[in-house]
PDB file of N, CA and C in Angstrom:
ATOM      1  N   UNK A   1      16.427  19.040   9.580  1.00  0.00           N
ATOM      2  CA  UNK A   1      17.121  17.508   8.546  1.00  0.00           C
ATOM      3  C   UNK A   1      16.970  18.342   7.256  1.00  0.00           C
ATOM      4  N   UNK A   2      17.768  18.207   6.400  1.00  0.00           N
ATOM      5  CA  UNK A   2      17.289  18.805   5.182  1.00  0.00           C
ATOM      6  C   UNK A   2      17.197  17.648   3.958  1.00  0.00           C
ATOM      7  N   UNK A   3      16.127  17.816   3.215  1.00  0.00           N
ATOM      8  CA  UNK A   3      15.328  17.104   2.130  1.00  0.00           C
ATOM      9  C   UNK A   3      16.704  16.089   1.916  1.00  0.00           C
ATOM     10  N   UNK A   4      18.003  16.454   1.365  1.00  0.00           N
ATOM     11  CA  UNK A   4      19.017  15.489   0.835  1.00  0.00           C
ATOM     12  C   UNK A   4      19.081  14.645   1.529  1.00  0.00           C
ATOM     13  N   UNK A   5      19.499  15.020   2.434  1.00  0.00           N
ATOM     14  CA  UNK A   5      19.577  13.891   3.688  1.00  0.00           C
ATOM     15  C   UNK A   5      19.341  12.676   4.142  1.00  0.00           C
ATOM     16  N   UNK A   6      17.640  13.573   4.105  1.00  0.00           N
ATOM     17  CA  UNK A   6      16.718  12.831   4.484  1.00  0.00           C
ATOM     18  C   UNK A   6      16.180  11.635   3.429  1.00  0.00           C
ATOM     19  N   UNK A   7      16.330  11.983   1.858  1.00  0.00           N
ATOM     20  CA  UNK A   7      16.411  11.286   1.109  1.00  0.00           C
ATOM     21  C   UNK A   7      17.088  10.207   1.076  1.00  0.00           C
ATOM     22  N   UNK A   8      18.599  10.848   1.227  1.00  0.00           N
ATOM     23  CA  UNK A   8      19.605   9.545   0.757  1.00  0.00           C
ATOM     24  C   UNK A   8      19.573   9.031   2.228  1.00  0.00           C
ATOM     25  N   UNK A   9      19.099   9.255   3.282  1.00  0.00           N
ATOM     26  CA  UNK A   9      18.592   8.539   4.380  1.00  0.00           C
ATOM     27  C   UNK A   9      17.471   7.279   3.978  1.00  0.00           C
ATOM     28  N   UNK A  10      16.892   7.528   3.120  1.00  0.00           N
ATOM     29  CA  UNK A  10      15.700   6.694   3.161  1.00  0.00           C
ATOM     30  C   UNK A  10      16.338   5.802   1.394  1.00  0.00           C
ATOM     31  N   UNK A  11      16.697   6.136   0.899  1.00  0.00           N
ATOM     32  CA  UNK A  11      17.119   5.269  -0.286  1.00  0.00           C
ATOM     33  C   UNK A  11      18.476   4.718   0.534  1.00  0.00           C
ATOM     34  N   UNK A  12      18.832   4.659   1.345  1.00  0.00           N
ATOM     35  CA  UNK A  12      20.278   4.201   2.065  1.00  0.00           C
ATOM     36  C   UNK A  12      19.337   3.110   2.429  1.00  0.00           C
ATOM     37  N   UNK A  13      18.193   3.175   3.423  1.00  0.00           N
ATOM     38  CA  UNK A  13      17.772   2.054   4.574  1.00  0.00           C
ATOM     39  C   UNK A  13      16.818   1.169   3.470  1.00  0.00           C
ATOM     40  N   UNK A  14      16.150   1.666   2.913  1.00  0.00           N
ATOM     41  CA  UNK A  14      14.950   1.129   1.426  1.00  0.00           C
ATOM     42  C   UNK A  14      16.283   0.262   0.786  1.00  0.00           C
ATOM     43  N   UNK A  15      17.026   0.153   0.412  1.00  0.00           N
ATOM     44  CA  UNK A  15      18.478  -0.783  -0.392  1.00  0.00           C
ATOM     45  C   UNK A  15      18.823  -1.772   0.335  1.00  0.00           C
ATOM     46  N   UNK A  16      19.059  -1.180   1.844  1.00  0.00           N
ATOM     47  CA  UNK A  16      19.971  -2.050   3.001  1.00  0.00           C
ATOM     48  C   UNK A  16      18.855  -3.073   3.402  1.00  0.00           C
ATOM     49  N   UNK A  17      17.696  -2.644   3.558  1.00  0.00           N
ATOM     50  CA  UNK A  17      16.394  -3.668   3.900  1.00  0.00           C
ATOM     51  C   UNK A  17      16.433  -4.924   2.751  1.00  0.00           C
ATOM     52  N   UNK A  18      16.027  -4.381   2.085  1.00  0.00           N
ATOM     53  CA  UNK A  18      15.799  -4.981   0.327  1.00  0.00           C
ATOM     54  C   UNK A  18      16.979  -5.964   0.226  1.00  0.00           C
ATOM     55  N   UNK A  19      18.354  -5.580  -0.293  1.00  0.00           N
ATOM     56  CA  UNK A  19      18.947  -6.474  -0.517  1.00  0.00           C
ATOM     57  C   UNK A  19      19.015  -7.347   0.629  1.00  0.00           C
ATOM     58  N   UNK A  20      19.381  -7.214   2.005  1.00  0.00           N
ATOM     59  CA  UNK A  20      19.963  -8.203   2.549  1.00  0.00           C
ATOM     60  C   UNK A  20      18.406  -9.380   2.987  1.00  0.00           C
ATOM     61  N   UNK A  21      17.404  -8.863   2.382  1.00  0.00           N
ATOM     62  CA  UNK A  21      16.147 -10.060   3.172  1.00  0.00           C
ATOM     63  C   UNK A  21      16.379 -10.577   1.800  1.00  0.00           C
ATOM     64  N   UNK A  22      17.033 -10.418   0.473  1.00  0.00           N
ATOM     65  CA  UNK A  22      16.968 -10.873  -1.105  1.00  0.00           C
ATOM     66  C   UNK A  22      18.238 -11.821  -0.910  1.00  0.00           C
ATOM     67  N   UNK A  23      19.075 -11.556  -0.177  1.00  0.00           N
ATOM     68  CA  UNK A  23      20.659 -12.087  -0.170  1.00  0.00           C
ATOM     69  C   UNK A  23      20.131 -13.496   1.266  1.00  0.00           C
ATOM     70  N   UNK A  24      19.170 -12.947   1.821  1.00  0.00           N
ATOM     71  CA  UNK A  24      18.824 -14.238   2.897  1.00  0.00           C
ATOM     72  C   UNK A  24      18.199 -15.537   2.666  1.00  0.00           C
ATOM     73  N   UNK A  25      17.179 -15.272   1.405  1.00  0.00           N
ATOM     74  CA  UNK A  25      16.848 -16.020   0.338  1.00  0.00           C
ATOM     75  C   UNK A  25      17.017 -16.680  -0.244  1.00  0.00           C
ATOM     76  N   UNK A  26      18.067 -15.714  -1.203  1.00  0.00           N
ATOM     77  CA  UNK A  26      18.641 -16.541  -2.219  1.00  0.00           C
ATOM     78  C   UNK A  26      19.646 -17.187  -1.317  1.00  0.00           C
ATOM     79  N   UNK A  27      20.622 -17.089  -0.336  1.00  0.00           N
ATOM     80  CA  UNK A  27      21.435 -18.505   0.480  1.00  0.00           C
ATOM     81  C   UNK A  27      20.675 -19.566   0.882  1.00  0.00           C
ATOM     82  N   UNK A  28      19.618 -19.365   1.351  1.00  0.00           N
ATOM     83  CA  UNK A  28      18.723 -20.506   1.702  1.00  0.00           C
ATOM     84  C   UNK A  28      18.293 -21.232   0.705  1.00  0.00           C
ATOM     85  N   UNK A  29      17.684 -20.306  -0.564  1.00  0.00           N
ATOM     86  CA  UNK A  29      17.408 -21.726  -2.138  1.00  0.00           C
ATOM     87  C   UNK A  29      18.458 -21.921  -2.890  1.00  0.00           C
ATOM     88  N   UNK A  30      19.688 -21.201  -2.960  1.00  0.00           N
ATOM     89  CA  UNK A  30      20.822 -21.875  -3.681  1.00  0.00           C
ATOM     90  C   UNK A  30      21.940 -22.839  -2.754  1.00  0.00           C
ATOM     91  N   UNK A  31      21.153 -23.093  -1.245  1.00  0.00           N
ATOM     92  CA  UNK A  31      21.838 -23.807  -0.771  1.00  0.00           C
ATOM     93  C   UNK A  31      20.993 -25.571  -0.160  1.00  0.00           C
ATOM     94  N   UNK A  32      19.836 -25.196  -0.964  1.00  0.00           N
ATOM     95  CA  UNK A  32      18.931 -26.390  -1.051  1.00  0.00           C
ATOM     96  C   UNK A  32      19.402 -27.066  -2.873  1.00  0.00           C
ATOM     97  N   UNK A  33      19.509 -25.832  -3.608  1.00  0.00           N
ATOM     98  CA  UNK A  33      19.502 -26.417  -5.063  1.00  0.00           C
ATOM     99  C   UNK A  33      21.063 -27.270  -5.044  1.00  0.00           C
ATOM    100  N   UNK A  34      21.879 -26.863  -4.543  1.00  0.00           N
ATOM    101  CA  UNK A  34      23.393 -26.675  -4.276  1.00  0.00           C
ATOM    102  C   UNK A  34      23.416 -28.878  -3.404  1.00  0.00           C
ATOM    103  N   UNK A  35      22.540 -28.575  -2.585  1.00  0.00           N
ATOM    104  CA  UNK A  35      22.260 -30.246  -2.113  1.00  0.00           C
ATOM    105  C   UNK A  35      21.748 -31.062  -2.520  1.00  0.00           C
ATOM    106  N   UNK A  36      20.550 -30.247  -2.985  1.00  0.00           N
ATOM    107  CA  UNK A  36      20.087 -31.441  -4.817  1.00  0.00           C
ATOM    108  C   UNK A  36      20.602 -31.697  -5.779  1.00  0.00           C
ATOM    109  N   UNK A  37      21.766 -31.056  -6.148  1.00  0.00           N
ATOM    110  CA  UNK A  37      22.731 -31.030  -6.924  1.00  0.00           C
ATOM    111  C   UNK A  37      23.825 -32.034  -6.549  1.00  0.00           C
ATOM    112  N   UNK A  38      24.461 -31.775  -5.331  1.00  0.00           N
ATOM    113  CA  UNK A  38      25.454 -32.750  -4.966  1.00  0.00           C
ATOM    114  C   UNK A  38      25.922 -33.568  -4.089  1.00  0.00           C
ATOM    115  N   UNK A  39      24.457 -33.243  -2.977  1.00  0.00           N
ATOM    116  CA  UNK A  39      24.267 -34.546  -1.875  1.00  0.00           C
ATOM    117  C   UNK A  39      23.047 -34.479  -1.786  1.00  0.00           C
ATOM    118  N   UNK A  40      22.207 -35.429  -2.924  1.00  0.00           N
ATOM    119  CA  UNK A  40      20.653 -35.629  -2.651  1.00  0.00           C
ATOM    120  C   UNK A  40      20.197 -36.224  -1.882  1.00  0.00           C
ATOM    121  N   UNK A  41      20.728 -37.595  -1.491  1.00  0.00           N
ATOM    122  CA  UNK A  41      20.677 -37.685  -0.435  1.00  0.00           C
ATOM    123  C   UNK A  41      20.925 -37.924   0.898  1.00  0.00           C
ATOM    124  N   UNK A  42      21.318 -36.877   1.219  1.00  0.00           N
ATOM    125  CA  UNK A  42      20.818 -35.643   2.600  1.00  0.00           C
ATOM    126  C   UNK A  42      19.459 -35.781   2.655  1.00  0.00           C
ATOM    127  N   UNK A  43      18.826 -35.145   1.502  1.00  0.00           N
ATOM    128  CA  UNK A  43      17.444 -34.845   1.755  1.00  0.00           C
ATOM    129  C   UNK A  43      16.172 -35.619   1.286  1.00  0.00           C
ATOM    130  N   UNK A  44      16.792 -36.976   1.256  1.00  0.00           N
ATOM    131  CA  UNK A  44      16.174 -37.873   1.205  1.00  0.00           C
ATOM    132  C   UNK A  44      16.004 -39.058   2.499  1.00  0.00           C
ATOM    133  N   UNK A  45      16.138 -38.214   3.648  1.00  0.00           N
ATOM    134  CA  UNK A  45      16.421 -38.992   5.083  1.00  0.00           C
ATOM    135  C   UNK A  45      15.076 -38.590   5.400  1.00  0.00           C
ATOM    136  N   UNK A  46      14.444 -39.807   5.570  1.00  0.00           N
ATOM    137  CA  UNK A  46      13.134 -39.575   6.444  1.00  0.00           C
ATOM    138  C   UNK A  46      13.414 -39.392   7.537  1.00  0.00           C
ATOM    139  N   UNK A  47      11.994 -38.440   8.334  1.00  0.00           N
ATOM    140  CA  UNK A  47      12.028 -38.129   9.719  1.00  0.00           C
ATOM    141  C   UNK A  47      10.976 -39.104  10.427  1.00  0.00           C
ATOM    142  N   UNK A  48      11.212 -39.629  11.842  1.00  0.00           N
ATOM    143  CA  UNK A  48      11.091 -39.712  12.363  1.00  0.00           C
ATOM    144  C   UNK A  48      10.350 -41.363  11.276  1.00  0.00           C
ATOM    145  N   UNK A  49      10.667 -41.911  10.981  1.00  0.00           N
ATOM    146  CA  UNK A  49      10.090 -43.281  10.136  1.00  0.00           C
ATOM    147  C   UNK A  49       9.073 -42.795   9.644  1.00  0.00           C
ATOM    148  N   UNK A  50       8.636 -41.763   8.988  1.00  0.00           N
ATOM    149  CA  UNK A  50       7.628 -41.509   8.605  1.00  0.00           C
ATOM    150  C   UNK A  50       7.581 -41.011   6.857  1.00  0.00           C
ATOM    151  N   UNK A  51       6.971 -40.753   6.207  1.00  0.00           N
ATOM    152  CA  UNK A  51       6.493 -40.591   4.990  1.00  0.00           C
ATOM    153  C   UNK A  51       7.345 -38.983   4.906  1.00  0.00           C
ATOM    154  N   UNK A  52       7.618 -38.185   5.283  1.00  0.00           N
ATOM    155  CA  UNK A  52       8.509 -36.866   5.662  1.00  0.00           C
ATOM    156  C   UNK A  52       9.377 -36.928   5.266  1.00  0.00           C
ATOM    157  N   UNK A  53       9.880 -36.647   4.566  1.00  0.00           N
ATOM    158  CA  UNK A  53      11.865 -36.198   4.504  1.00  0.00           C
ATOM    159  C   UNK A  53      11.925 -34.922   4.961  1.00  0.00           C
ATOM    160  N   UNK A  54      13.710 -34.727   5.035  1.00  0.00           N
ATOM    161  CA  UNK A  54      14.355 -33.018   5.263  1.00  0.00           C
ATOM    162  C   UNK A  54      14.138 -32.054   4.079  1.00  0.00           C
ATOM    163  N   UNK A  55      14.133 -33.382   2.755  1.00  0.00           N
ATOM    164  CA  UNK A  55      13.615 -32.070   1.698  1.00  0.00           C
ATOM    165  C   UNK A  55      12.399 -31.603   1.639  1.00  0.00           C
ATOM    166  N   UNK A  56      11.587 -32.056   1.777  1.00  0.00           N
ATOM    167  CA  UNK A  56       9.906 -31.658   2.298  1.00  0.00           C
ATOM    168  C   UNK A  56      10.280 -30.272   3.064  1.00  0.00           C
ATOM    169  N   UNK A  57      10.459 -30.782   4.476  1.00  0.00           N
ATOM    170  CA  UNK A  57      10.609 -30.095   5.416  1.00  0.00           C
ATOM    171  C   UNK A  57      11.353 -28.775   5.090  1.00  0.00           C
ATOM    172  N   UNK A  58      12.201 -28.857   4.799  1.00  0.00           N
ATOM    173  CA  UNK A  58      13.455 -27.663   4.488  1.00  0.00           C
ATOM    174  C   UNK A  58      12.736 -26.635   3.107  1.00  0.00           C
ATOM    175  N   UNK A  59      12.006 -27.333   1.950  1.00  0.00           N
ATOM    176  CA  UNK A  59      11.492 -26.986   1.153  1.00  0.00           C
ATOM    177  C   UNK A  59      10.042 -25.916   1.195  1.00  0.00           C
ATOM    178  N   UNK A  60       9.405 -26.587   2.329  1.00  0.00           N
ATOM    179  CA  UNK A  60       8.389 -25.683   2.906  1.00  0.00           C
ATOM    180  C   UNK A  60       8.922 -24.600   3.557  1.00  0.00           C
ATOM    181  N   UNK A  61      10.026 -24.827   4.721  1.00  0.00           N
ATOM    182  CA  UNK A  61      10.792 -24.167   5.575  1.00  0.00           C
ATOM    183  C   UNK A  61      10.821 -22.851   4.496  1.00  0.00           C
ATOM    184  N   UNK A  62      11.502 -22.692   3.061  1.00  0.00           N
ATOM    185  CA  UNK A  62      12.294 -21.811   2.447  1.00  0.00           C
ATOM    186  C   UNK A  62      11.096 -20.649   2.058  1.00  0.00           C
ATOM    187  N   UNK A  63       9.915 -21.392   1.476  1.00  0.00           N
ATOM    188  CA  UNK A  63       8.672 -20.663   1.695  1.00  0.00           C
ATOM    189  C   UNK A  63       7.934 -19.806   2.758  1.00  0.00           C
ATOM    190  N   UNK A  64       7.947 -20.359   3.979  1.00  0.00           N
ATOM    191  CA  UNK A  64       7.696 -19.904   4.668  1.00  0.00           C
ATOM    192  C   UNK A  64       8.431 -19.016   5.296  1.00  0.00           C
ATOM    193  N   UNK A  65       9.481 -18.880   4.834  1.00  0.00           N
ATOM    194  CA  UNK A  65      10.766 -18.031   5.153  1.00  0.00           C
ATOM    195  C   UNK A  65      10.321 -16.786   4.592  1.00  0.00           C
ATOM    196  N   UNK A  66      10.005 -16.717   3.209  1.00  0.00           N
ATOM    197  CA  UNK A  66       9.850 -16.202   2.149  1.00  0.00           C
ATOM    198  C   UNK A  66       9.057 -15.395   2.749  1.00  0.00           C
ATOM    199  N   UNK A  67       7.696 -15.811   3.315  1.00  0.00           N
ATOM    200  CA  UNK A  67       6.463 -14.829   2.993  1.00  0.00           C
ATOM    201  C   UNK A  67       6.782 -13.845   4.833  1.00  0.00           C
ATOM    202  N   UNK A  68       7.625 -14.846   5.881  1.00  0.00           N
ATOM    203  CA  UNK A  68       7.804 -14.361   6.657  1.00  0.00           C
ATOM    204  C   UNK A  68       8.614 -12.573   6.532  1.00  0.00           C
ATOM    205  N   UNK A  69       9.669 -12.795   6.005  1.00  0.00           N
ATOM    206  CA  UNK A  69      10.388 -11.824   5.329  1.00  0.00           C
ATOM    207  C   UNK A  69       9.605 -10.815   4.533  1.00  0.00           C
ATOM    208  N   UNK A  70       8.724 -11.260   3.560  1.00  0.00           N
ATOM    209  CA  UNK A  70       7.793 -10.658   2.706  1.00  0.00           C
ATOM    210  C   UNK A  70       6.961  -9.587   4.082  1.00  0.00           C
ATOM    211  N   UNK A  71       6.887 -10.304   5.412  1.00  0.00           N
ATOM    212  CA  UNK A  71       5.534  -9.628   6.279  1.00  0.00           C
ATOM    213  C   UNK A  71       6.638  -8.826   6.975  1.00  0.00           C
ATOM    214  N   UNK A  72       7.623  -9.193   7.287  1.00  0.00           N
ATOM    215  CA  UNK A  72       8.617  -7.810   7.930  1.00  0.00           C
ATOM    216  C   UNK A  72       8.643  -6.959   7.030  1.00  0.00           C
ATOM    217  N   UNK A  73       9.208  -7.250   5.785  1.00  0.00           N
ATOM    218  CA  UNK A  73       9.622  -6.002   4.748  1.00  0.00           C
ATOM    219  C   UNK A  73       8.383  -5.265   4.904  1.00  0.00           C
ATOM    220  N   UNK A  74       7.314  -5.719   4.969  1.00  0.00           N
ATOM    221  CA  UNK A  74       5.630  -4.791   4.677  1.00  0.00           C
ATOM    222  C   UNK A  74       5.621  -3.647   6.019  1.00  0.00           C
ATOM    223  N   UNK A  75       6.180  -4.766   7.344  1.00  0.00           N
ATOM    224  CA  UNK A  75       5.691  -4.027   8.428  1.00  0.00           C
ATOM    225  C   UNK A  75       6.614  -2.705   8.641  1.00  0.00           C
ATOM    226  N   UNK A  76       8.190  -3.050   8.158  1.00  0.00           N
ATOM    227  CA  UNK A  76       8.799  -1.833   8.140  1.00  0.00           C
ATOM    228  C   UNK A  76       8.986  -0.969   7.599  1.00  0.00           C
ATOM    229  N   UNK A  77       8.339  -1.119   6.132  1.00  0.00           N
ATOM    230  CA  UNK A  77       7.800  -0.066   5.346  1.00  0.00           C
ATOM    231  C   UNK A  77       6.758   0.502   5.483  1.00  0.00           C
ATOM    232  N   UNK A  78       5.810   0.181   6.249  1.00  0.00           N
ATOM    233  CA  UNK A  78       4.663   0.524   6.617  1.00  0.00           C
ATOM    234  C   UNK A  78       4.934   1.824   7.775  1.00  0.00           C
ATOM    235  N   UNK A  79       5.665   0.988   8.347  1.00  0.00           N
ATOM    236  CA  UNK A  79       5.480   1.633   9.786  1.00  0.00           C
ATOM    237  C   UNK A  79       6.879   2.592  10.257  1.00  0.00           C
ATOM    238  N   UNK A  80       8.328   2.567   9.269  1.00  0.00           N
ATOM    239  CA  UNK A  80       9.113   3.389   9.257  1.00  0.00           C
ATOM    240  C   UNK A  80       9.435   3.925   7.942  1.00  0.00           C
ATOM    241  N   UNK A  81       9.424   3.357   6.789  1.00  0.00           N
ATOM    242  CA  UNK A  81      10.028   4.448   5.625  1.00  0.00           C
ATOM    243  C   UNK A  81       8.798   5.246   5.260  1.00  0.00           C
ATOM    244  N   UNK A  82       7.775   4.692   5.057  1.00  0.00           N
ATOM    245  CA  UNK A  82       6.801   5.323   5.259  1.00  0.00           C
ATOM    246  C   UNK A  82       6.712   6.739   5.748  1.00  0.00           C
ATOM    247  N   UNK A  83       7.147   6.953   7.177  1.00  0.00           N
ATOM    248  CA  UNK A  83       7.098   8.030   7.660  1.00  0.00           C
ATOM    249  C   UNK A  83       8.305   9.189   7.214  1.00  0.00           C
ATOM    250  N   UNK A  84       9.371   8.710   6.111  1.00  0.00           N
ATOM    251  CA  UNK A  84      10.218   9.364   6.016  1.00  0.00           C
ATOM    252  C   UNK A  84      10.268   9.967   4.877  1.00  0.00           C
ATOM    253  N   UNK A  85       8.993   9.081   3.849  1.00  0.00           N
ATOM    254  CA  UNK A  85       8.733   9.481   2.444  1.00  0.00           C
ATOM    255  C   UNK A  85       7.974  10.371   2.944  1.00  0.00           C
ATOM    256  N   UNK A  86       6.880  10.291   3.956  1.00  0.00           N
ATOM    257  CA  UNK A  86       5.890  11.352   4.347  1.00  0.00           C
ATOM    258  C   UNK A  86       6.379  12.965   4.805  1.00  0.00           C
ATOM    259  N   UNK A  87       7.516  12.409   5.387  1.00  0.00           N
ATOM    260  CA  UNK A  87       8.522  14.155   5.844  1.00  0.00           C
ATOM    261  C   UNK A  87       9.174  14.672   4.456  1.00  0.00           C
ATOM    262  N   UNK A  88       9.435  13.855   3.070  1.00  0.00           N
ATOM    263  CA  UNK A  88      10.496  14.174   2.053  1.00  0.00           C
ATOM    264  C   UNK A  88       9.109  14.629   1.610  1.00  0.00           C
ATOM    265  N   UNK A  89       7.967  14.472   1.159  1.00  0.00           N
ATOM    266  CA  UNK A  89       6.498  15.176   0.494  1.00  0.00           C
ATOM    267  C   UNK A  89       6.590  16.801   1.316  1.00  0.00           C
ATOM    268  N   UNK A  90       7.008  16.387   2.346  1.00  0.00           N
ATOM    269  CA  UNK A  90       6.187  18.173   2.874  1.00  0.00           C
ATOM    270  C   UNK A  90       7.157  19.181   2.525  1.00  0.00           C
TER     271      UNK A  90
END
């Protein structure tokens, strides 16, 4: 495989993964913000008659989802994209 094709493949895969993960995070974050802006009573619903609301759970879920996607990107980058980068250096 030529270096030009390998380089193009590396750039495409890197951008595809980064943009996909970014769009997922932005979707969840902005849906949370839109609900706060237009229907805040939804996020104020208590879960199982406790002091924890849907808003707290959703906010923490966004944080945990971001951490999981960062972990996934790191694993993909270390195990797959770095191998392509090493081939390019040869």
